[in-house]
Amino acid sequence: MSRPKITEPLEPVGELPNLTPRQQKFVTFILEGRPTKQAYIDAGFAVPERKKSAGEMAGKLFRNPKIQAWISAGKRAALGKAAWPLERYILALEAAAEEAKLSGNHGARIQALKLIGEASGHHRQAVDVTTHSDPRDALKAIAEVSPEIAAQIAKQHGIGWEH
């Protein structure tokens, strides 16, 4: 996946601590949006088979103050300056969906396809909230602030209400 185009020059972020080449790769992968564990593995760090898992080791590296300084500087430098046109974003998601399909990662493919739908306006996330409480309880709370509004809501919804 290609990186976003930087439309303005980067601002200086001050003196940053030195990193090893693997640490630099780790920071780059984190800034690209990879999960911490995957960035750790992709940067070439050894995956331990004893005591601590790769996820734990990745978390420890991620919390390292030198790493955090670089991540913060990278985010500050790119904040508000990355520009991806919708078409490029959808193409990147389509490539990710195809890569996920080829690797057999169906969850990642579904997520990429969902994001394509959201970006193109064909998918909208909706949340259905159902409450099992008495609506009069909510009206009582509203009436404490505005009895007129509580009476109006009760009337609109056909709820017997006298306050």
N, C-alpha and C. Protein backbone atom coordinates (compact mmCIF):
# COMPACT_ATOMS: atom_id res chain seq x y z
N MET A 1 0.85 -1.17 0.00
CA MET A 1 0.00 0.00 0.00
C MET A 1 0.89 1.23 0.00
N SER A 2 0.58 2.21 -0.83
CA SER A 2 1.41 3.41 -0.91
C SER A 2 1.09 4.36 0.22
N ARG A 3 2.05 5.22 0.50
CA ARG A 3 1.88 6.21 1.56
C ARG A 3 1.09 7.40 1.07
N PRO A 4 0.42 8.12 2.01
CA PRO A 4 -0.28 9.33 1.61
C PRO A 4 0.69 10.39 1.10
N LYS A 5 0.24 11.20 0.18
CA LYS A 5 1.05 12.29 -0.36
C LYS A 5 1.13 13.40 0.69
N ILE A 6 2.31 13.89 0.94
CA ILE A 6 2.50 15.02 1.85
C ILE A 6 2.38 16.28 1.03
N THR A 7 1.43 17.14 1.40
CA THR A 7 1.14 18.31 0.59
C THR A 7 1.87 19.56 1.06
N GLU A 8 2.49 19.51 2.25
CA GLU A 8 3.22 20.65 2.78
C GLU A 8 4.55 20.14 3.34
N PRO A 9 5.57 20.99 3.42
CA PRO A 9 6.82 20.54 3.99
C PRO A 9 6.64 20.17 5.46
N LEU A 10 7.44 19.20 5.90
CA LEU A 10 7.38 18.79 7.30
C LEU A 10 7.99 19.86 8.19
N GLU A 11 7.37 20.05 9.35
CA GLU A 11 7.91 21.00 10.32
C GLU A 11 9.00 20.29 11.12
N PRO A 12 10.04 21.01 11.53
CA PRO A 12 11.04 20.38 12.36
C PRO A 12 10.41 19.98 13.69
N VAL A 13 10.80 18.81 14.20
CA VAL A 13 10.20 18.31 15.43
C VAL A 13 11.19 18.28 16.58
N GLY A 14 12.36 18.87 16.41
CA GLY A 14 13.33 18.89 17.49
C GLY A 14 14.28 17.70 17.41
N GLU A 15 15.14 17.61 18.41
CA GLU A 15 16.14 16.54 18.46
C GLU A 15 15.46 15.23 18.88
N LEU A 16 15.64 14.21 18.07
CA LEU A 16 15.06 12.91 18.38
C LEU A 16 16.18 11.93 18.71
N PRO A 17 15.90 10.98 19.59
CA PRO A 17 16.92 10.01 19.96
C PRO A 17 17.26 9.08 18.80
N ASN A 18 18.47 8.53 18.82
CA ASN A 18 18.88 7.59 17.80
C ASN A 18 18.15 6.26 17.99
N LEU A 19 17.82 5.64 16.86
CA LEU A 19 17.18 4.33 16.87
C LEU A 19 18.02 3.36 16.05
N THR A 20 17.89 2.09 16.37
CA THR A 20 18.53 1.06 15.55
C THR A 20 17.74 0.94 14.25
N PRO A 21 18.32 0.34 13.22
CA PRO A 21 17.57 0.18 11.97
C PRO A 21 16.25 -0.58 12.16
N ARG A 22 16.25 -1.61 13.01
CA ARG A 22 15.00 -2.34 13.26
C ARG A 22 13.98 -1.47 13.98
N GLN A 23 14.44 -0.66 14.93
CA GLN A 23 13.53 0.25 15.63
C GLN A 23 12.94 1.27 14.65
N GLN A 24 13.77 1.75 13.72
CA GLN A 24 13.28 2.69 12.71
C GLN A 24 12.20 2.05 11.85
N LYS A 25 12.43 0.79 11.45
CA LYS A 25 11.42 0.08 10.66
C LYS A 25 10.14 -0.08 11.47
N PHE A 26 10.28 -0.43 12.74
CA PHE A 26 9.12 -0.60 13.62
C PHE A 26 8.29 0.68 13.66
N VAL A 27 8.95 1.81 13.87
CA VAL A 27 8.26 3.10 13.93
C VAL A 27 7.56 3.38 12.60
N THR A 28 8.24 3.13 11.49
CA THR A 28 7.65 3.34 10.17
C THR A 28 6.39 2.50 10.00
N PHE A 29 6.46 1.23 10.37
CA PHE A 29 5.31 0.35 10.23
C PHE A 29 4.16 0.79 11.14
N ILE A 30 4.46 1.25 12.34
CA ILE A 30 3.41 1.76 13.24
C ILE A 30 2.75 2.98 12.61
N LEU A 31 3.55 3.89 12.08
CA LEU A 31 3.00 5.09 11.46
C LEU A 31 2.19 4.78 10.20
N GLU A 32 2.48 3.65 9.56
CA GLU A 32 1.69 3.21 8.41
C GLU A 32 0.37 2.60 8.83
N GLY A 33 0.23 2.33 10.14
CA GLY A 33 -1.03 1.81 10.64
C GLY A 33 -1.04 0.32 10.93
N ARG A 34 0.12 -0.31 10.89
CA ARG A 34 0.14 -1.74 11.19
C ARG A 34 -0.06 -1.98 12.68
N PRO A 35 -0.68 -3.11 13.03
CA PRO A 35 -0.79 -3.45 14.44
C PRO A 35 0.60 -3.62 15.06
N THR A 36 0.71 -3.36 16.34
CA THR A 36 1.99 -3.37 17.04
C THR A 36 2.73 -4.69 16.84
N LYS A 37 2.04 -5.80 17.05
CA LYS A 37 2.68 -7.12 16.93
C LYS A 37 3.19 -7.35 15.51
N GLN A 38 2.38 -6.98 14.51
CA GLN A 38 2.80 -7.18 13.12
C GLN A 38 3.97 -6.28 12.77
N ALA A 39 3.97 -5.05 13.26
CA ALA A 39 5.09 -4.13 13.02
C ALA A 39 6.36 -4.70 13.63
N TYR A 40 6.25 -5.29 14.81
CA TYR A 40 7.39 -5.90 15.50
C TYR A 40 7.99 -7.03 14.66
N ILE A 41 7.12 -7.90 14.17
CA ILE A 41 7.58 -9.04 13.36
C ILE A 41 8.15 -8.56 12.02
N ASP A 42 7.43 -7.64 11.34
CA ASP A 42 7.87 -7.14 10.04
C ASP A 42 9.18 -6.36 10.11
N ALA A 43 9.46 -5.77 11.27
CA ALA A 43 10.71 -5.02 11.43
C ALA A 43 11.90 -5.95 11.62
N GLY A 44 11.63 -7.23 11.77
CA GLY A 44 12.72 -8.20 11.85
C GLY A 44 13.14 -8.58 13.26
N PHE A 45 12.35 -8.23 14.25
CA PHE A 45 12.67 -8.64 15.61
C PHE A 45 12.38 -10.12 15.78
N ALA A 46 13.19 -10.76 16.59
CA ALA A 46 13.03 -12.19 16.83
C ALA A 46 11.73 -12.44 17.59
N VAL A 47 11.02 -13.46 17.17
CA VAL A 47 9.79 -13.85 17.85
C VAL A 47 10.16 -14.88 18.91
N PRO A 48 10.02 -14.53 20.18
CA PRO A 48 10.43 -15.43 21.24
C PRO A 48 9.49 -16.63 21.37
N GLU A 49 10.07 -17.77 21.74
CA GLU A 49 9.27 -18.97 21.95
C GLU A 49 9.13 -19.29 23.43
N ARG A 50 9.74 -18.49 24.26
CA ARG A 50 9.65 -18.75 25.70
C ARG A 50 9.11 -17.52 26.41
N LYS A 51 8.89 -17.59 27.65
CA LYS A 51 8.42 -16.56 28.57
C LYS A 51 7.45 -15.54 27.97
N LYS A 52 7.91 -14.67 27.09
CA LYS A 52 7.07 -13.59 26.60
C LYS A 52 6.68 -13.82 25.13
N SER A 53 5.46 -13.48 24.80
CA SER A 53 5.00 -13.63 23.42
C SER A 53 5.47 -12.44 22.58
N ALA A 54 5.33 -12.58 21.28
CA ALA A 54 5.71 -11.48 20.38
C ALA A 54 4.86 -10.24 20.68
N GLY A 55 3.60 -10.45 21.03
CA GLY A 55 2.73 -9.32 21.35
C GLY A 55 3.22 -8.57 22.58
N GLU A 56 3.66 -9.30 23.59
CA GLU A 56 4.18 -8.66 24.79
C GLU A 56 5.46 -7.90 24.51
N MET A 57 6.35 -8.53 23.71
CA MET A 57 7.61 -7.87 23.35
C MET A 57 7.33 -6.62 22.50
N ALA A 58 6.36 -6.73 21.59
CA ALA A 58 6.00 -5.58 20.75
C ALA A 58 5.44 -4.45 21.61
N GLY A 59 4.62 -4.80 22.59
CA GLY A 59 4.06 -3.80 23.49
C GLY A 59 5.14 -3.10 24.29
N LYS A 60 6.12 -3.87 24.74
CA LYS A 60 7.24 -3.29 25.50
C LYS A 60 8.03 -2.33 24.62
N LEU A 61 8.30 -2.74 23.39
CA LEU A 61 9.03 -1.87 22.46
C LEU A 61 8.21 -0.61 22.15
N PHE A 62 6.91 -0.78 21.95
CA PHE A 62 6.04 0.35 21.64
C PHE A 62 6.05 1.39 22.78
N ARG A 63 6.15 0.93 24.02
CA ARG A 63 6.15 1.85 25.17
C ARG A 63 7.52 2.47 25.44
N ASN A 64 8.55 2.03 24.74
CA ASN A 64 9.90 2.58 24.91
C ASN A 64 9.84 4.09 24.63
N PRO A 65 10.37 4.91 25.55
CA PRO A 65 10.30 6.37 25.38
C PRO A 65 10.90 6.88 24.07
N LYS A 66 11.99 6.25 23.60
CA LYS A 66 12.59 6.67 22.33
C LYS A 66 11.64 6.39 21.17
N ILE A 67 11.00 5.23 21.21
CA ILE A 67 10.05 4.86 20.16
C ILE A 67 8.87 5.82 20.19
N GLN A 68 8.35 6.10 21.39
CA GLN A 68 7.22 7.00 21.53
C GLN A 68 7.55 8.41 21.02
N ALA A 69 8.77 8.85 21.25
CA ALA A 69 9.18 10.17 20.76
C ALA A 69 9.10 10.22 19.24
N TRP A 70 9.59 9.18 18.58
CA TRP A 70 9.56 9.13 17.12
C TRP A 70 8.13 9.02 16.60
N ILE A 71 7.31 8.19 17.24
CA ILE A 71 5.92 8.03 16.80
C ILE A 71 5.18 9.36 16.95
N SER A 72 5.36 10.03 18.08
CA SER A 72 4.71 11.32 18.30
C SER A 72 5.17 12.34 17.27
N ALA A 73 6.47 12.37 16.99
CA ALA A 73 7.00 13.31 16.01
C ALA A 73 6.44 13.01 14.62
N GLY A 74 6.35 11.75 14.27
CA GLY A 74 5.80 11.36 12.97
C GLY A 74 4.34 11.76 12.83
N LYS A 75 3.58 11.55 13.89
CA LYS A 75 2.17 11.93 13.85
C LYS A 75 2.01 13.44 13.76
N ARG A 76 2.80 14.17 14.53
CA ARG A 76 2.73 15.63 14.49
C ARG A 76 3.10 16.15 13.11
N ALA A 77 4.13 15.57 12.53
CA ALA A 77 4.61 16.04 11.22
C ALA A 77 3.57 15.82 10.13
N ALA A 78 2.80 14.73 10.23
CA ALA A 78 1.84 14.41 9.18
C ALA A 78 0.44 14.92 9.47
N LEU A 79 0.19 15.40 10.68
CA LEU A 79 -1.15 15.81 11.08
C LEU A 79 -1.70 16.89 10.13
N GLY A 80 -2.79 16.57 9.51
CA GLY A 80 -3.46 17.53 8.64
C GLY A 80 -2.78 17.74 7.30
N LYS A 81 -1.75 16.96 6.99
CA LYS A 81 -1.01 17.20 5.75
C LYS A 81 -1.12 16.06 4.76
N ALA A 82 -1.65 14.93 5.19
CA ALA A 82 -1.78 13.80 4.28
C ALA A 82 -3.07 13.95 3.49
N ALA A 83 -2.98 13.76 2.19
CA ALA A 83 -4.17 13.90 1.35
C ALA A 83 -4.28 12.70 0.43
N TRP A 84 -5.34 11.92 0.61
CA TRP A 84 -5.62 10.80 -0.28
C TRP A 84 -6.96 11.07 -0.93
N PRO A 85 -7.00 11.19 -2.22
CA PRO A 85 -8.30 11.31 -2.88
C PRO A 85 -9.11 10.02 -2.65
N LEU A 86 -10.41 10.13 -2.71
CA LEU A 86 -11.29 8.99 -2.47
C LEU A 86 -10.94 7.82 -3.39
N GLU A 87 -10.67 8.10 -4.64
CA GLU A 87 -10.37 7.02 -5.59
C GLU A 87 -9.12 6.24 -5.16
N ARG A 88 -8.10 6.96 -4.71
CA ARG A 88 -6.85 6.31 -4.28
C ARG A 88 -7.10 5.47 -3.02
N TYR A 89 -7.90 5.99 -2.12
CA TYR A 89 -8.23 5.28 -0.89
C TYR A 89 -8.97 3.97 -1.23
N ILE A 90 -9.93 4.05 -2.13
CA ILE A 90 -10.69 2.86 -2.51
C ILE A 90 -9.79 1.86 -3.23
N LEU A 91 -8.90 2.34 -4.08
CA LEU A 91 -7.96 1.43 -4.76
C LEU A 91 -7.07 0.71 -3.75
N ALA A 92 -6.61 1.43 -2.74
CA ALA A 92 -5.77 0.82 -1.70
C ALA A 92 -6.57 -0.24 -0.93
N LEU A 93 -7.83 0.06 -0.63
CA LEU A 93 -8.67 -0.92 0.06
C LEU A 93 -8.94 -2.14 -0.81
N GLU A 94 -9.15 -1.91 -2.11
CA GLU A 94 -9.36 -3.03 -3.02
C GLU A 94 -8.12 -3.92 -3.08
N ALA A 95 -6.94 -3.30 -3.08
CA ALA A 95 -5.69 -4.09 -3.07
C ALA A 95 -5.57 -4.88 -1.77
N ALA A 96 -5.94 -4.25 -0.66
CA ALA A 96 -5.90 -4.96 0.63
C ALA A 96 -6.89 -6.11 0.65
N ALA A 97 -8.07 -5.91 0.08
CA ALA A 97 -9.07 -6.97 0.03
C ALA A 97 -8.57 -8.14 -0.80
N GLU A 98 -7.92 -7.84 -1.92
CA GLU A 98 -7.40 -8.90 -2.79
C GLU A 98 -6.26 -9.66 -2.09
N GLU A 99 -5.38 -8.92 -1.43
CA GLU A 99 -4.27 -9.55 -0.70
C GLU A 99 -4.82 -10.45 0.41
N ALA A 100 -5.85 -9.98 1.11
CA ALA A 100 -6.46 -10.78 2.17
C ALA A 100 -7.11 -12.03 1.60
N LYS A 101 -7.74 -11.90 0.43
CA LYS A 101 -8.37 -13.06 -0.22
C LYS A 101 -7.33 -14.11 -0.57
N LEU A 102 -6.22 -13.65 -1.16
CA LEU A 102 -5.16 -14.57 -1.56
C LEU A 102 -4.50 -15.26 -0.37
N SER A 103 -4.43 -14.56 0.75
CA SER A 103 -3.79 -15.14 1.93
C SER A 103 -4.77 -15.96 2.77
N GLY A 104 -6.06 -15.93 2.39
CA GLY A 104 -7.05 -16.68 3.14
C GLY A 104 -7.54 -15.98 4.39
N ASN A 105 -7.22 -14.71 4.55
CA ASN A 105 -7.65 -13.96 5.73
C ASN A 105 -9.01 -13.33 5.43
N HIS A 106 -10.07 -14.11 5.65
CA HIS A 106 -11.41 -13.68 5.29
C HIS A 106 -11.91 -12.51 6.13
N GLY A 107 -11.51 -12.46 7.39
CA GLY A 107 -11.90 -11.35 8.25
C GLY A 107 -11.36 -10.03 7.74
N ALA A 108 -10.09 -10.02 7.33
CA ALA A 108 -9.47 -8.80 6.80
C ALA A 108 -10.13 -8.41 5.48
N ARG A 109 -10.48 -9.41 4.67
CA ARG A 109 -11.13 -9.11 3.39
C ARG A 109 -12.50 -8.48 3.62
N ILE A 110 -13.25 -9.04 4.54
CA ILE A 110 -14.58 -8.49 4.85
C ILE A 110 -14.45 -7.06 5.36
N GLN A 111 -13.47 -6.81 6.23
CA GLN A 111 -13.26 -5.47 6.76
C GLN A 111 -12.91 -4.48 5.65
N ALA A 112 -12.04 -4.90 4.73
CA ALA A 112 -11.66 -4.02 3.62
C ALA A 112 -12.87 -3.73 2.73
N LEU A 113 -13.67 -4.75 2.45
CA LEU A 113 -14.85 -4.55 1.62
C LEU A 113 -15.87 -3.65 2.32
N LYS A 114 -15.99 -3.79 3.63
CA LYS A 114 -16.89 -2.92 4.40
C LYS A 114 -16.42 -1.46 4.31
N LEU A 115 -15.11 -1.25 4.45
CA LEU A 115 -14.57 0.11 4.36
C LEU A 115 -14.76 0.70 2.97
N ILE A 116 -14.66 -0.14 1.93
CA ILE A 116 -14.93 0.33 0.57
C ILE A 116 -16.37 0.79 0.47
N GLY A 117 -17.28 -0.01 1.02
CA GLY A 117 -18.70 0.36 1.01
C GLY A 117 -18.96 1.65 1.74
N GLU A 118 -18.34 1.83 2.90
CA GLU A 118 -18.51 3.06 3.67
C GLU A 118 -17.97 4.26 2.90
N ALA A 119 -16.77 4.11 2.32
CA ALA A 119 -16.15 5.22 1.60
C ALA A 119 -16.95 5.62 0.37
N SER A 120 -17.56 4.64 -0.30
CA SER A 120 -18.31 4.94 -1.52
C SER A 120 -19.77 5.27 -1.24
N GLY A 121 -20.16 5.23 0.04
CA GLY A 121 -21.52 5.62 0.41
C GLY A 121 -22.55 4.52 0.29
N HIS A 122 -22.10 3.27 0.10
CA HIS A 122 -23.04 2.16 -0.05
C HIS A 122 -23.28 1.40 1.24
N HIS A 123 -22.54 1.71 2.26
CA HIS A 123 -22.69 1.01 3.54
C HIS A 123 -22.75 2.05 4.64
N ARG A 124 -23.70 1.87 5.53
CA ARG A 124 -23.83 2.79 6.65
C ARG A 124 -24.02 1.94 7.89
N GLN A 125 -23.24 2.23 8.89
CA GLN A 125 -23.36 1.50 10.15
C GLN A 125 -24.52 2.10 10.94
N ALA A 126 -25.39 1.24 11.42
CA ALA A 126 -26.51 1.69 12.24
C ALA A 126 -26.51 0.91 13.53
N VAL A 127 -26.91 1.57 14.56
CA VAL A 127 -27.01 0.92 15.87
C VAL A 127 -28.46 0.99 16.30
N ASP A 128 -29.02 -0.18 16.64
CA ASP A 128 -30.39 -0.24 17.12
C ASP A 128 -30.34 -0.37 18.63
N VAL A 129 -30.86 0.62 19.31
CA VAL A 129 -30.85 0.61 20.76
C VAL A 129 -32.27 0.34 21.24
N THR A 130 -32.43 -0.73 21.95
CA THR A 130 -33.72 -1.08 22.50
C THR A 130 -33.62 -1.03 24.01
N THR A 131 -34.51 -0.29 24.62
CA THR A 131 -34.51 -0.22 26.07
C THR A 131 -35.75 -0.93 26.60
N HIS A 132 -35.62 -1.49 27.76
CA HIS A 132 -36.73 -2.20 28.37
C HIS A 132 -37.24 -1.45 29.60
N SER A 133 -36.84 -0.21 29.73
CA SER A 133 -37.28 0.57 30.88
C SER A 133 -38.57 1.30 30.54
N ASP A 134 -39.23 1.77 31.54
CA ASP A 134 -40.48 2.51 31.38
C ASP A 134 -40.15 3.90 30.85
N PRO A 135 -40.77 4.31 29.73
CA PRO A 135 -40.46 5.63 29.18
C PRO A 135 -40.83 6.76 30.14
N ARG A 136 -41.70 6.48 31.09
CA ARG A 136 -42.07 7.51 32.05
C ARG A 136 -40.88 7.90 32.92
N ASP A 137 -39.94 6.94 33.13
CA ASP A 137 -38.72 7.26 33.89
C ASP A 137 -37.90 8.32 33.16
N ALA A 138 -37.77 8.15 31.83
CA ALA A 138 -37.04 9.13 31.04
C ALA A 138 -37.77 10.47 31.04
N LEU A 139 -39.10 10.42 30.95
CA LEU A 139 -39.87 11.66 30.97
C LEU A 139 -39.71 12.39 32.30
N LYS A 140 -39.63 11.65 33.39
CA LYS A 140 -39.42 12.28 34.70
C LYS A 140 -38.10 13.03 34.73
N ALA A 141 -37.06 12.40 34.18
CA ALA A 141 -35.74 13.04 34.15
C ALA A 141 -35.77 14.29 33.27
N ILE A 142 -36.46 14.21 32.13
CA ILE A 142 -36.57 15.37 31.25
C ILE A 142 -37.39 16.47 31.92
N ALA A 143 -38.43 16.07 32.64
CA ALA A 143 -39.30 17.06 33.30
C ALA A 143 -38.56 17.85 34.37
N GLU A 144 -37.53 17.27 34.95
CA GLU A 144 -36.75 18.01 35.94
C GLU A 144 -36.08 19.21 35.31
N VAL A 145 -35.73 19.10 34.04
CA VAL A 145 -35.09 20.19 33.32
C VAL A 145 -36.14 21.07 32.64
N SER A 146 -37.10 20.43 31.98
CA SER A 146 -38.12 21.18 31.24
C SER A 146 -39.43 20.40 31.22
N PRO A 147 -40.36 20.73 32.10
CA PRO A 147 -41.64 20.03 32.12
C PRO A 147 -42.40 20.18 30.80
N GLU A 148 -42.23 21.31 30.12
CA GLU A 148 -42.92 21.52 28.85
C GLU A 148 -42.45 20.54 27.77
N ILE A 149 -41.15 20.34 27.70
CA ILE A 149 -40.61 19.40 26.71
C ILE A 149 -41.05 17.98 27.04
N ALA A 150 -41.04 17.61 28.32
CA ALA A 150 -41.48 16.27 28.72
C ALA A 150 -42.93 16.05 28.31
N ALA A 151 -43.79 17.05 28.52
CA ALA A 151 -45.20 16.93 28.15
C ALA A 151 -45.35 16.82 26.64
N GLN A 152 -44.55 17.56 25.90
CA GLN A 152 -44.61 17.52 24.44
C GLN A 152 -44.19 16.15 23.92
N ILE A 153 -43.12 15.60 24.46
CA ILE A 153 -42.65 14.26 24.04
C ILE A 153 -43.70 13.22 24.36
N ALA A 154 -44.29 13.30 25.55
CA ALA A 154 -45.32 12.34 25.95
C ALA A 154 -46.50 12.40 24.99
N LYS A 155 -46.90 13.59 24.63
CA LYS A 155 -48.03 13.77 23.72
C LYS A 155 -47.71 13.20 22.33
N GLN A 156 -46.49 13.46 21.83
CA GLN A 156 -46.09 12.98 20.51
C GLN A 156 -46.08 11.46 20.43
N HIS A 157 -45.75 10.82 21.55
CA HIS A 157 -45.61 9.35 21.55
C HIS A 157 -46.79 8.65 22.20
N GLY A 158 -47.83 9.42 22.53
CA GLY A 158 -49.03 8.82 23.10
C GLY A 158 -48.84 8.20 24.48
N ILE A 159 -47.98 8.80 25.27
CA ILE A 159 -47.70 8.29 26.61
C ILE A 159 -48.52 9.12 27.59
N GLY A 160 -49.30 8.44 28.40
CA GLY A 160 -50.07 9.16 29.41
C GLY A 160 -49.13 9.82 30.40
N TRP A 161 -49.21 11.13 30.49
CA TRP A 161 -48.23 11.85 31.30
C TRP A 161 -48.90 13.04 31.98
N GLU A 162 -48.81 13.04 33.28
CA GLU A 162 -49.29 14.20 34.05
C GLU A 162 -48.23 14.51 35.05
N HIS A 163 -47.71 15.69 34.96
CA HIS A 163 -46.63 16.07 35.89
C HIS A 163 -46.90 17.39 36.52
